[in-house]
Each structure stands twice: as C-alpha cells, then as structure tokens.
C-alpha cells in the first residue's frame, strides 16, 4: 500500500481523518490506524474511499494494490 499517496489525496480534498472516517463508515481511530498501516482496509472501505476521494481505478491500484491489478 502507498499510504503516503492516500494521505495526499485526503489532504487535497481538504478532509480530516475524522471526516473521511465518517464518510466511509468507520470510527476515527480505526481510520487513523489504517492510514498509518497498522490495519488493512477492507474491500468495501476501499470502494467507499474511492468514491469519497473521487479516485480513478489507476489511483486505487497505486494506493491499495501496488499497481498489481490491471483494468479488464
């Protein structure tokens, strides 16, 4: 995972961890731990983050999957 890029995208949208946590349906502390890499994001959380941050498929790959997944 590229957590640095995730943080950059969050800050570009001018969202706090608390705001983004609420948008994706997790507790602020849980989100903070995930953004620091202490816990993994679920597929549902990744989908919710992609919508909340308006991420392209390429950006989702770069952030969460180390660019291993290709578009079909």
C-alpha atoms as a PDB file:
ATOM      1  CA  UNK A   1       0.000   0.000   0.000  1.00  0.00           C
ATOM      2  CA  UNK A   2       1.050   3.551  -0.675  1.00  0.00           C
ATOM      3  CA  UNK A   3      -0.333   5.229   2.419  1.00  0.00           C
ATOM      4  CA  UNK A   4       1.532   8.449   1.719  1.00  0.00           C
ATOM      5  CA  UNK A   5      -0.447   8.845  -1.512  1.00  0.00           C
ATOM      6  CA  UNK A   6      -3.691   8.128   0.340  1.00  0.00           C
ATOM      7  CA  UNK A   7      -2.917  10.903   2.816  1.00  0.00           C
ATOM      8  CA  UNK A   8      -2.054  13.292  -0.030  1.00  0.00           C
ATOM      9  CA  UNK A   9      -5.382  12.556  -1.738  1.00  0.00           C
ATOM     10  CA  UNK A  10      -7.248  13.112   1.547  1.00  0.00           C
ATOM     11  CA  UNK A  11      -5.493  16.431   2.119  1.00  0.00           C
ATOM     12  CA  UNK A  12      -6.138  17.518  -1.486  1.00  0.00           C
ATOM     13  CA  UNK A  13      -9.853  17.140  -0.735  1.00  0.00           C
ATOM     14  CA  UNK A  14      -9.300  19.126   2.482  1.00  0.00           C
ATOM     15  CA  UNK A  15     -10.703  16.319   4.620  1.00  0.00           C
ATOM     16  CA  UNK A  16      -9.654  15.410   8.134  1.00  0.00           C
ATOM     17  CA  UNK A  17      -9.267  11.792   9.146  1.00  0.00           C
ATOM     18  CA  UNK A  18     -12.416  12.203  11.234  1.00  0.00           C
ATOM     19  CA  UNK A  19     -14.428  13.497   8.269  1.00  0.00           C
ATOM     20  CA  UNK A  20     -13.222  10.771   5.929  1.00  0.00           C
ATOM     21  CA  UNK A  21     -13.788   8.082   8.560  1.00  0.00           C
ATOM     22  CA  UNK A  22     -17.407   9.188   8.865  1.00  0.00           C
ATOM     23  CA  UNK A  23     -17.813   9.207   5.087  1.00  0.00           C
ATOM     24  CA  UNK A  24     -16.640   5.589   4.772  1.00  0.00           C
ATOM     25  CA  UNK A  25     -18.432   4.326   7.871  1.00  0.00           C
ATOM     26  CA  UNK A  26     -15.604   3.623  10.315  1.00  0.00           C
ATOM     27  CA  UNK A  27     -14.543   5.096  13.643  1.00  0.00           C
ATOM     28  CA  UNK A  28     -11.938   7.874  13.509  1.00  0.00           C
ATOM     29  CA  UNK A  29      -9.414   5.791  15.492  1.00  0.00           C
ATOM     30  CA  UNK A  30      -9.913   2.837  13.151  1.00  0.00           C
ATOM     31  CA  UNK A  31      -9.322   5.042  10.118  1.00  0.00           C
ATOM     32  CA  UNK A  32      -6.218   6.567  11.684  1.00  0.00           C
ATOM     33  CA  UNK A  33      -4.757   3.117  12.322  1.00  0.00           C
ATOM     34  CA  UNK A  34      -5.474   2.071   8.758  1.00  0.00           C
ATOM     35  CA  UNK A  35      -3.945   5.209   7.246  1.00  0.00           C
ATOM     36  CA  UNK A  36      -0.793   4.561   9.321  1.00  0.00           C
ATOM     37  CA  UNK A  37      -0.643   0.976   8.035  1.00  0.00           C
ATOM     38  CA  UNK A  38      -1.402  -0.691  11.349  1.00  0.00           C
ATOM     39  CA  UNK A  39      -4.517  -2.332   9.893  1.00  0.00           C
ATOM     40  CA  UNK A  40      -5.675  -3.216   6.391  1.00  0.00           C
ATOM     41  CA  UNK A  41      -8.595  -1.593   4.608  1.00  0.00           C
ATOM     42  CA  UNK A  42     -11.437  -3.926   3.616  1.00  0.00           C
ATOM     43  CA  UNK A  43     -12.603  -4.063   0.003  1.00  0.00           C
ATOM     44  CA  UNK A  44     -15.783  -2.192   0.984  1.00  0.00           C
ATOM     45  CA  UNK A  45     -13.738   0.530   2.689  1.00  0.00           C
ATOM     46  CA  UNK A  46     -11.530   0.817  -0.392  1.00  0.00           C
ATOM     47  CA  UNK A  47     -14.619   1.204  -2.589  1.00  0.00           C
ATOM     48  CA  UNK A  48     -16.006   3.844  -0.221  1.00  0.00           C
ATOM     49  CA  UNK A  49     -12.675   5.690  -0.153  1.00  0.00           C
ATOM     50  CA  UNK A  50     -12.508   5.662  -3.947  1.00  0.00           C
ATOM     51  CA  UNK A  51     -15.928   7.316  -4.107  1.00  0.00           C
ATOM     52  CA  UNK A  52     -15.251   9.775  -1.280  1.00  0.00           C
ATOM     53  CA  UNK A  53     -11.904  10.866  -2.720  1.00  0.00           C
ATOM     54  CA  UNK A  54     -13.006  10.580  -6.367  1.00  0.00           C
ATOM     55  CA  UNK A  55     -10.134   8.191  -7.147  1.00  0.00           C
ATOM     56  CA  UNK A  56      -9.586   6.705 -10.577  1.00  0.00           C
ATOM     57  CA  UNK A  57      -9.019   2.960 -10.979  1.00  0.00           C
ATOM     58  CA  UNK A  58      -5.339   3.703 -11.558  1.00  0.00           C
ATOM     59  CA  UNK A  59      -5.132   5.688  -8.300  1.00  0.00           C
ATOM     60  CA  UNK A  60      -6.860   2.886  -6.384  1.00  0.00           C
ATOM     61  CA  UNK A  61      -4.301   0.446  -7.812  1.00  0.00           C
ATOM     62  CA  UNK A  62      -1.378   2.680  -6.859  1.00  0.00           C
ATOM     63  CA  UNK A  63      -2.645   3.305  -3.334  1.00  0.00           C
ATOM     64  CA  UNK A  64      -4.024  -0.069  -2.286  1.00  0.00           C
ATOM     65  CA  UNK A  65      -2.667  -2.741  -4.611  1.00  0.00           C
ATOM     66  CA  UNK A  66       0.833  -1.604  -5.577  1.00  0.00           C
ATOM     67  CA  UNK A  67      -0.302  -1.431  -9.221  1.00  0.00           C
ATOM     68  CA  UNK A  68      -0.619  -5.232  -9.484  1.00  0.00           C
ATOM     69  CA  UNK A  69      -4.209  -5.175 -10.701  1.00  0.00           C
ATOM     70  CA  UNK A  70      -4.909  -4.198 -14.294  1.00  0.00           C
ATOM     71  CA  UNK A  71      -8.116  -2.937 -15.864  1.00  0.00           C
ATOM     72  CA  UNK A  72     -10.079  -5.540 -17.788  1.00  0.00           C
END
